[in-house]
């Protein structure tokens, strides 16, 4: 199983996100990791309404107050700590969580075996 280094832990500040690429079922995917209330989270970068990225490739996932994640296309609102959509066209659905590992000052993602 390959591990992908996403970033140094210190690079993921409160209310900030970093995107990363990985492969699942031989298909390229994108994920993002962020920090909310001091805790790291990671999700697939796919809106649950229509399978488009939440951001426009600009690494902007949080709202202007840093309290929720927003799909820039549809306006769906997600809780950063749970991934649950609380408002918008996919209310009640959740983002697909990704398991990350914080180790030796870095954040890692373990790809599934090919």
C-alpha atoms as a PDB file:
ATOM      1  CA  UNK A   1       0.000   0.000   0.000  1.00  0.00           C
ATOM      2  CA  UNK A   2       1.533   3.295  -1.079  1.00  0.00           C
ATOM      3  CA  UNK A   3       1.552   6.246   1.270  1.00  0.00           C
ATOM      4  CA  UNK A   4       1.227   9.777  -0.029  1.00  0.00           C
ATOM      5  CA  UNK A   5       2.716  12.632   1.944  1.00  0.00           C
ATOM      6  CA  UNK A   6       0.160  15.435   1.874  1.00  0.00           C
ATOM      7  CA  UNK A   7       1.897  18.148   3.884  1.00  0.00           C
ATOM      8  CA  UNK A   8       3.754  18.998   7.055  1.00  0.00           C
ATOM      9  CA  UNK A   9       1.326  19.149   9.961  1.00  0.00           C
ATOM     10  CA  UNK A  10       2.246  22.804  10.501  1.00  0.00           C
ATOM     11  CA  UNK A  11       1.189  23.678   6.931  1.00  0.00           C
ATOM     12  CA  UNK A  12      -2.437  22.856   7.709  1.00  0.00           C
ATOM     13  CA  UNK A  13      -3.472  25.836   9.813  1.00  0.00           C
ATOM     14  CA  UNK A  14      -6.888  26.318  11.393  1.00  0.00           C
ATOM     15  CA  UNK A  15      -9.503  26.967   8.706  1.00  0.00           C
ATOM     16  CA  UNK A  16      -7.114  26.057   5.881  1.00  0.00           C
ATOM     17  CA  UNK A  17      -7.183  23.188   3.396  1.00  0.00           C
ATOM     18  CA  UNK A  18      -4.745  21.420   1.089  1.00  0.00           C
ATOM     19  CA  UNK A  19      -5.748  19.254  -1.864  1.00  0.00           C
ATOM     20  CA  UNK A  20      -3.972  16.055  -2.865  1.00  0.00           C
ATOM     21  CA  UNK A  21      -4.283  13.446  -5.591  1.00  0.00           C
ATOM     22  CA  UNK A  22      -4.577   9.697  -5.164  1.00  0.00           C
ATOM     23  CA  UNK A  23      -5.660   6.636  -7.126  1.00  0.00           C
ATOM     24  CA  UNK A  24      -8.649   4.414  -6.364  1.00  0.00           C
ATOM     25  CA  UNK A  25      -9.692   1.523  -8.607  1.00  0.00           C
ATOM     26  CA  UNK A  26      -7.110   2.661 -11.180  1.00  0.00           C
ATOM     27  CA  UNK A  27      -8.814   6.066 -11.421  1.00  0.00           C
ATOM     28  CA  UNK A  28      -7.279   9.393 -10.383  1.00  0.00           C
ATOM     29  CA  UNK A  29      -9.107  11.038  -7.490  1.00  0.00           C
ATOM     30  CA  UNK A  30      -8.709  14.221  -5.494  1.00  0.00           C
ATOM     31  CA  UNK A  31      -9.017  14.697  -1.779  1.00  0.00           C
ATOM     32  CA  UNK A  32      -8.548  17.558   0.624  1.00  0.00           C
ATOM     33  CA  UNK A  33      -7.355  17.813   4.187  1.00  0.00           C
ATOM     34  CA  UNK A  34      -8.078  20.661   6.567  1.00  0.00           C
ATOM     35  CA  UNK A  35      -8.132  21.697  10.190  1.00  0.00           C
ATOM     36  CA  UNK A  36     -11.278  22.637  12.108  1.00  0.00           C
ATOM     37  CA  UNK A  37     -11.349  23.367  15.851  1.00  0.00           C
ATOM     38  CA  UNK A  38      -7.803  22.032  16.088  1.00  0.00           C
ATOM     39  CA  UNK A  39      -8.559  18.645  14.503  1.00  0.00           C
ATOM     40  CA  UNK A  40      -7.560  17.387  11.081  1.00  0.00           C
ATOM     41  CA  UNK A  41     -10.143  16.032   8.641  1.00  0.00           C
ATOM     42  CA  UNK A  42      -9.993  14.677   5.086  1.00  0.00           C
ATOM     43  CA  UNK A  43     -12.650  14.076   2.433  1.00  0.00           C
ATOM     44  CA  UNK A  44     -12.916  13.218  -1.224  1.00  0.00           C
ATOM     45  CA  UNK A  45     -13.254  16.427  -3.189  1.00  0.00           C
ATOM     46  CA  UNK A  46     -16.668  15.490  -4.602  1.00  0.00           C
ATOM     47  CA  UNK A  47     -19.998  17.175  -3.917  1.00  0.00           C
ATOM     48  CA  UNK A  48     -22.730  14.732  -2.943  1.00  0.00           C
ATOM     49  CA  UNK A  49     -25.300  16.515  -5.136  1.00  0.00           C
ATOM     50  CA  UNK A  50     -23.581  16.131  -8.503  1.00  0.00           C
ATOM     51  CA  UNK A  51     -20.090  14.597  -8.694  1.00  0.00           C
ATOM     52  CA  UNK A  52     -18.152  17.826  -9.209  1.00  0.00           C
ATOM     53  CA  UNK A  53     -15.323  19.181  -7.072  1.00  0.00           C
ATOM     54  CA  UNK A  54     -16.354  21.365  -4.148  1.00  0.00           C
ATOM     55  CA  UNK A  55     -13.801  24.006  -5.067  1.00  0.00           C
ATOM     56  CA  UNK A  56     -13.001  25.486  -8.459  1.00  0.00           C
ATOM     57  CA  UNK A  57      -9.432  24.201  -8.315  1.00  0.00           C
ATOM     58  CA  UNK A  58      -8.551  27.140  -6.069  1.00  0.00           C
ATOM     59  CA  UNK A  59      -8.323  25.194  -2.786  1.00  0.00           C
ATOM     60  CA  UNK A  60     -11.181  27.214  -1.244  1.00  0.00           C
ATOM     61  CA  UNK A  61     -13.499  24.961   0.754  1.00  0.00           C
ATOM     62  CA  UNK A  62     -14.377  26.959   3.868  1.00  0.00           C
ATOM     63  CA  UNK A  63     -16.967  29.724   3.967  1.00  0.00           C
ATOM     64  CA  UNK A  64     -15.742  33.259   4.695  1.00  0.00           C
ATOM     65  CA  UNK A  65     -16.089  32.708   8.464  1.00  0.00           C
ATOM     66  CA  UNK A  66     -14.212  29.379   8.447  1.00  0.00           C
ATOM     67  CA  UNK A  67     -17.184  27.580   9.997  1.00  0.00           C
ATOM     68  CA  UNK A  68     -18.516  25.369   7.188  1.00  0.00           C
ATOM     69  CA  UNK A  69     -17.396  23.768   3.933  1.00  0.00           C
ATOM     70  CA  UNK A  70     -19.186  25.035   0.819  1.00  0.00           C
ATOM     71  CA  UNK A  71     -19.677  23.569  -2.644  1.00  0.00           C
ATOM     72  CA  UNK A  72     -18.870  26.554  -4.857  1.00  0.00           C
ATOM     73  CA  UNK A  73     -21.079  25.251  -7.681  1.00  0.00           C
ATOM     74  CA  UNK A  74     -24.297  24.348  -5.855  1.00  0.00           C
ATOM     75  CA  UNK A  75     -23.980  26.080  -2.498  1.00  0.00           C
ATOM     76  CA  UNK A  76     -24.277  22.864  -0.478  1.00  0.00           C
ATOM     77  CA  UNK A  77     -23.092  23.432   3.100  1.00  0.00           C
ATOM     78  CA  UNK A  78     -21.150  20.713   4.940  1.00  0.00           C
ATOM     79  CA  UNK A  79     -19.962  20.401   8.544  1.00  0.00           C
ATOM     80  CA  UNK A  80     -16.143  20.234   8.535  1.00  0.00           C
ATOM     81  CA  UNK A  81     -15.890  17.777  11.425  1.00  0.00           C
ATOM     82  CA  UNK A  82     -18.503  15.264  10.177  1.00  0.00           C
ATOM     83  CA  UNK A  83     -18.878  15.921   6.429  1.00  0.00           C
ATOM     84  CA  UNK A  84     -22.675  16.067   6.833  1.00  0.00           C
ATOM     85  CA  UNK A  85     -24.536  18.311   4.381  1.00  0.00           C
ATOM     86  CA  UNK A  86     -26.778  20.543   6.472  1.00  0.00           C
ATOM     87  CA  UNK A  87     -28.144  22.835   3.728  1.00  0.00           C
ATOM     88  CA  UNK A  88     -28.513  22.657  -0.011  1.00  0.00           C
ATOM     89  CA  UNK A  89     -29.531  20.154  -2.649  1.00  0.00           C
ATOM     90  CA  UNK A  90     -27.931  17.157  -0.888  1.00  0.00           C
ATOM     91  CA  UNK A  91     -29.006  17.860   2.717  1.00  0.00           C
ATOM     92  CA  UNK A  92     -28.595  14.746   4.833  1.00  0.00           C
ATOM     93  CA  UNK A  93     -25.857  13.200   2.664  1.00  0.00           C
ATOM     94  CA  UNK A  94     -22.238  13.174   3.801  1.00  0.00           C
ATOM     95  CA  UNK A  95     -18.917  13.724   2.099  1.00  0.00           C
ATOM     96  CA  UNK A  96     -16.801  10.578   1.718  1.00  0.00           C
ATOM     97  CA  UNK A  97     -14.281  10.644   4.573  1.00  0.00           C
ATOM     98  CA  UNK A  98     -10.658   9.688   3.914  1.00  0.00           C
ATOM     99  CA  UNK A  99      -8.393   8.188   6.528  1.00  0.00           C
ATOM    100  CA  UNK A 100      -5.241  10.172   7.113  1.00  0.00           C
ATOM    101  CA  UNK A 101      -2.275   9.496   9.364  1.00  0.00           C
ATOM    102  CA  UNK A 102      -0.389  12.135  11.313  1.00  0.00           C
ATOM    103  CA  UNK A 103       3.152  10.887  11.863  1.00  0.00           C
ATOM    104  CA  UNK A 104       6.579  12.453  12.415  1.00  0.00           C
ATOM    105  CA  UNK A 105       5.286  15.982  11.781  1.00  0.00           C
ATOM    106  CA  UNK A 106       3.583  15.107   8.487  1.00  0.00           C
ATOM    107  CA  UNK A 107       0.111  14.168   7.280  1.00  0.00           C
ATOM    108  CA  UNK A 108      -0.119  11.038   5.123  1.00  0.00           C
ATOM    109  CA  UNK A 109      -2.780   9.264   3.094  1.00  0.00           C
ATOM    110  CA  UNK A 110      -2.574   5.513   2.423  1.00  0.00           C
ATOM    111  CA  UNK A 111      -3.771   4.545  -1.037  1.00  0.00           C
ATOM    112  CA  UNK A 112      -5.563   1.267  -1.503  1.00  0.00           C
ATOM    113  CA  UNK A 113      -3.413  -1.469  -3.044  1.00  0.00           C
ATOM    114  CA  UNK A 114      -3.467  -1.581  -6.842  1.00  0.00           C
END
